[in-house]
Structures are given as C-alpha cells and as structure tokens.
Amino acid sequence: MENSFEKIVTLVVILNVIAYLIKIVLKSKGYTVSWLYNHHLDFANIWKLLGNTKKLGERVLYFLLGTGYLIIIAIFLASAFLQVSNNEKHDPCVYQEKFRQLDWNGIVVKKYIDKTYHNLKTLEIEKNLVQTEKVQHWALFENGNFEKVEIGDSIVKKQGLLHVSLFKPDTVIQLDVDFGCEN
C-alpha cells in the first residue's frame, strides 16, 4: 500500500478536525468541554445534544459529526492494523537480494549489541584510517556467526556473494548467511 503512512496521518488530521468541530458545537450550546482531554465526554454529549434538538438541520449536523467521528475512528484503526500487518510480512528473498548487492570490507574495531536499535548485533569496521562503517545484518549474525568475530579480525563482503569472509590471524572462515529464502 503506497503512502500508507500519509493516509494514516490524514485520517488523524480529519479525526481531530471532527473532534474539535464537536467541541465548538457543544461549547456554543452551553456544554462544558475540555480542549485537551476527556474527548470521550464530548462524543457522548454530541449524541445527547442530537436527542435534545428539534431542528432538523441541526439534528443532521450533529448526526453527521457523531457518525463521521465513529467512521473515521474505524477507518483509522483498520488502516493502522493493516499497516502493522503489512510491515510484519516481508519477503526474505528481497532482503537476500539487497544483501547480495552489498560490498564492504575492513578491520573489526567494535563489537556490541546496539540497545538503541532493537538489540541488534553490531560490528563497526574500519574501512581505512579515518572511515568506519556499521555492519548490522541480522541474518549475517545468526547461527553463531556473531560469536566467531573478534576485534582485530578482517571481514570482507563481496558484491554478488551471499557469504562473508572472516580473516583471523591463522585462518579464513566463511560466514554463511541464511535469509530463509528458498532460492
């Protein structure tokens, strides 16, 4: 779903416009409203106002505000649920192909769990004397690969390959990467 975040933000804006229109109407009819909290009371009061109003035009307006509010809330909740559901569904083959296109190498200068980024296993490699790069690929560090890496090791990922070469002082280890893709 393209631009789904923008659609959700639009729904939130519309929902707020309706909520504040309800507050304006209620305030003009003598109801107590709070501009910052207790919005559920406003929703209940618009239905009370609808029941107490005799003029057809006003009744239609109050009905449209009340039902519009409910409909937009339902659409917002459904959209938010679908957005979260769609984010959880990912194609491992897409990630695998992106990983295959990467090309990096360097000496491991840091190894840690990045607590600010979902506890992701992280390496920092020095590419040259002044430039470092973070390596944070969950699939690379599965199956004990993270534990094999030590500070001072050299690590190489060549474009087109799905494995990473880890150079230790006395050996070279191939770290296989499994994205769970059936290809």
Protein backbone atom coordinates (compact mmCIF):
# COMPACT_ATOMS: atom_id res chain seq x y z
CA MET A 1 0.00 0.00 0.00
CA GLU A 2 1.72 3.17 -1.21
CA ASN A 3 1.83 6.23 1.03
CA SER A 4 0.04 4.40 3.83
CA PHE A 5 1.75 6.50 6.49
CA GLU A 6 0.49 9.67 4.81
CA LYS A 7 -3.02 8.21 4.68
CA ILE A 8 -2.93 7.43 8.40
CA VAL A 9 -1.70 10.95 9.17
CA THR A 10 -4.53 12.36 7.02
CA LEU A 11 -7.06 10.28 8.95
CA VAL A 12 -5.64 11.58 12.23
CA VAL A 13 -5.98 15.17 10.98
CA ILE A 14 -9.58 14.58 9.85
CA LEU A 15 -10.37 12.90 13.16
CA ASN A 16 -9.02 15.90 15.06
CA VAL A 17 -10.95 18.35 12.88
CA ILE A 18 -14.19 16.49 13.57
CA ALA A 19 -13.38 16.25 17.29
CA TYR A 20 -12.78 19.99 17.54
CA LEU A 21 -15.89 20.78 15.47
CA ILE A 22 -17.83 18.72 18.01
CA LYS A 23 -16.21 20.72 20.82
CA ILE A 24 -17.10 24.02 19.13
CA VAL A 25 -20.73 22.96 18.65
CA LEU A 26 -21.02 21.72 22.24
CA LYS A 27 -19.43 24.90 23.64
CA SER A 28 -21.85 27.05 21.61
CA LYS A 29 -24.79 25.07 23.05
CA GLY A 30 -23.64 25.54 26.65
CA TYR A 31 -21.93 22.20 27.27
CA THR A 32 -18.69 22.10 29.24
CA VAL A 33 -15.79 20.98 27.07
CA SER A 34 -12.13 20.47 27.66
CA TRP A 35 -9.88 21.35 24.74
CA LEU A 36 -7.14 18.93 25.76
CA TYR A 37 -8.69 15.88 27.44
CA ASN A 38 -11.94 13.97 28.14
CA HIS A 39 -12.80 13.73 24.45
CA HIS A 40 -15.00 10.72 25.17
CA LEU A 41 -17.36 13.02 27.11
CA ASP A 42 -17.69 15.24 24.04
CA PHE A 43 -18.64 12.25 21.94
CA ALA A 44 -21.33 11.24 24.45
CA ASN A 45 -22.58 14.84 24.67
CA ILE A 46 -23.00 15.24 20.89
CA TRP A 47 -25.44 12.32 20.98
CA LYS A 48 -27.29 13.91 23.95
CA LEU A 49 -27.47 17.16 22.01
CA LEU A 50 -28.83 15.28 19.00
CA GLY A 51 -31.57 13.77 21.16
CA ASN A 52 -32.47 17.15 22.68
CA THR A 53 -32.58 19.13 19.42
CA LYS A 54 -35.82 19.66 17.48
CA LYS A 55 -34.48 21.47 14.39
CA LEU A 56 -33.92 19.06 11.52
CA GLY A 57 -30.85 20.86 10.10
CA GLU A 58 -29.08 20.84 13.47
CA ARG A 59 -30.02 17.22 14.07
CA VAL A 60 -28.50 16.24 10.70
CA LEU A 61 -25.31 18.18 11.52
CA TYR A 62 -24.95 16.54 14.93
CA PHE A 63 -25.67 13.13 13.46
CA LEU A 64 -23.05 13.62 10.74
CA LEU A 65 -20.46 14.79 13.27
CA GLY A 66 -21.14 11.84 15.60
CA THR A 67 -21.25 9.16 12.93
CA GLY A 68 -18.38 10.74 10.98
CA TYR A 69 -16.28 10.57 14.12
CA LEU A 70 -17.10 6.87 14.56
CA ILE A 71 -16.48 6.05 10.91
CA ILE A 72 -13.12 7.83 10.83
CA ILE A 73 -12.04 6.06 14.04
CA ALA A 74 -12.98 2.71 12.49
CA ILE A 75 -11.10 3.51 9.26
CA PHE A 76 -8.09 4.73 11.25
CA LEU A 77 -7.96 1.58 13.37
CA ALA A 78 -8.34 -0.68 10.34
CA SER A 79 -5.65 1.24 8.42
CA ALA A 80 -3.25 1.19 11.36
CA PHE A 81 -3.83 -2.56 11.80
CA LEU A 82 -3.23 -3.20 8.09
CA GLN A 83 -0.10 -1.04 8.14
CA VAL A 84 1.35 -3.02 11.04
CA SER A 85 0.33 -6.32 9.42
CA ASN A 86 1.94 -5.34 6.12
CA ASN A 87 5.16 -4.33 7.87
CA GLU A 88 5.34 -7.73 9.54
CA LYS A 89 5.04 -9.51 6.21
CA HIS A 90 8.37 -9.34 4.44
CA ASP A 91 9.85 -11.28 1.63
CA PRO A 92 13.18 -12.77 2.72
CA CYS A 93 14.23 -13.03 -0.92
CA VAL A 94 14.06 -9.23 -1.26
CA TYR A 95 16.37 -8.82 1.74
CA GLN A 96 18.64 -11.55 0.41
CA GLU A 97 18.96 -9.78 -2.94
CA LYS A 98 19.77 -6.47 -1.24
CA PHE A 99 22.42 -8.20 0.87
CA ARG A 100 23.88 -9.82 -2.24
CA GLN A 101 24.46 -6.35 -3.74
CA LEU A 102 26.49 -5.09 -0.76
CA ASP A 103 30.24 -4.70 -0.91
CA TRP A 104 32.31 -3.82 2.16
CA ASN A 105 35.47 -4.76 3.99
CA GLY A 106 37.53 -3.64 6.93
CA ILE A 107 39.01 -4.43 10.30
CA VAL A 108 36.62 -5.02 13.20
CA VAL A 109 37.18 -2.23 15.74
CA LYS A 110 33.98 -2.64 17.83
CA LYS A 111 31.56 -5.46 18.53
CA TYR A 112 28.41 -4.88 20.59
CA ILE A 113 24.68 -5.24 20.98
CA ASP A 114 23.06 -1.96 19.88
CA LYS A 115 20.46 -1.43 22.62
CA THR A 116 19.17 1.75 20.98
CA TYR A 117 18.40 -0.18 17.79
CA HIS A 118 16.35 -3.20 18.90
CA ASN A 119 19.33 -5.01 20.50
CA LEU A 120 20.78 -5.63 17.05
CA LYS A 121 24.15 -7.37 16.94
CA THR A 122 26.58 -4.82 15.54
CA LEU A 123 30.12 -4.63 14.24
CA GLU A 124 31.97 -1.46 13.47
CA ILE A 125 34.66 -1.89 10.85
CA GLU A 126 37.45 0.47 9.97
CA LYS A 127 37.49 0.81 6.20
CA ASN A 128 40.59 3.00 6.13
CA LEU A 129 42.42 5.01 8.74
CA VAL A 130 39.61 7.60 9.08
CA GLN A 131 36.36 5.95 7.98
CA THR A 132 34.28 3.40 9.92
CA GLU A 133 31.09 1.60 8.95
CA LYS A 134 28.45 -0.21 11.00
CA VAL A 135 27.54 -3.74 9.99
CA GLN A 136 24.08 -4.67 11.31
CA HIS A 137 22.63 -7.51 9.27
CA TRP A 138 20.51 -9.83 11.40
CA ALA A 139 20.84 -12.75 9.01
CA LEU A 140 24.64 -12.45 8.94
CA PHE A 141 24.88 -12.86 12.69
CA GLU A 142 22.55 -15.85 13.02
CA ASN A 143 23.83 -19.39 13.61
CA GLY A 144 26.73 -18.33 15.85
CA ASN A 145 28.44 -16.11 13.28
CA PHE A 146 28.50 -13.10 15.64
CA GLU A 147 30.34 -15.10 18.28
CA LYS A 148 33.06 -16.06 15.77
CA VAL A 149 34.02 -12.43 15.12
CA GLU A 150 36.64 -10.80 17.34
CA ILE A 151 38.00 -7.28 17.45
CA GLY A 152 41.01 -7.10 15.12
CA ASP A 153 39.64 -9.63 12.61
CA SER A 154 39.31 -8.56 8.99
CA ILE A 155 35.90 -9.05 7.39
CA VAL A 156 35.02 -8.93 3.69
CA LYS A 157 31.65 -8.95 1.90
CA LYS A 158 31.99 -9.00 -1.89
CA GLN A 159 29.15 -7.87 -4.13
CA GLY A 160 27.24 -10.76 -5.68
CA LEU A 161 28.02 -13.23 -2.91
CA LEU A 162 25.86 -14.42 -0.03
CA HIS A 163 28.70 -15.22 2.31
CA VAL A 164 31.17 -13.12 4.24
CA SER A 165 34.84 -13.99 4.65
CA LEU A 166 36.27 -13.58 8.14
CA PHE A 167 40.06 -13.38 8.25
CA LYS A 168 41.64 -14.40 11.53
CA PRO A 169 45.40 -14.43 12.19
CA ASP A 170 45.75 -18.12 11.32
CA THR A 171 42.66 -18.99 9.23
CA VAL A 172 39.85 -17.79 6.99
CA ILE A 173 36.26 -18.60 7.98
CA GLN A 174 33.33 -18.37 5.58
CA LEU A 175 30.26 -16.99 7.37
CA ASP A 176 27.21 -18.29 5.51
CA VAL A 177 24.15 -16.07 5.56
CA ASP A 178 20.67 -17.59 5.56
CA PHE A 179 17.73 -15.29 4.93
CA GLY A 180 15.28 -18.18 4.79
CA CYS A 181 14.76 -17.64 1.09
CA GLU A 182 14.08 -20.78 -0.92
CA ASN A 183 16.22 -19.66 -3.89
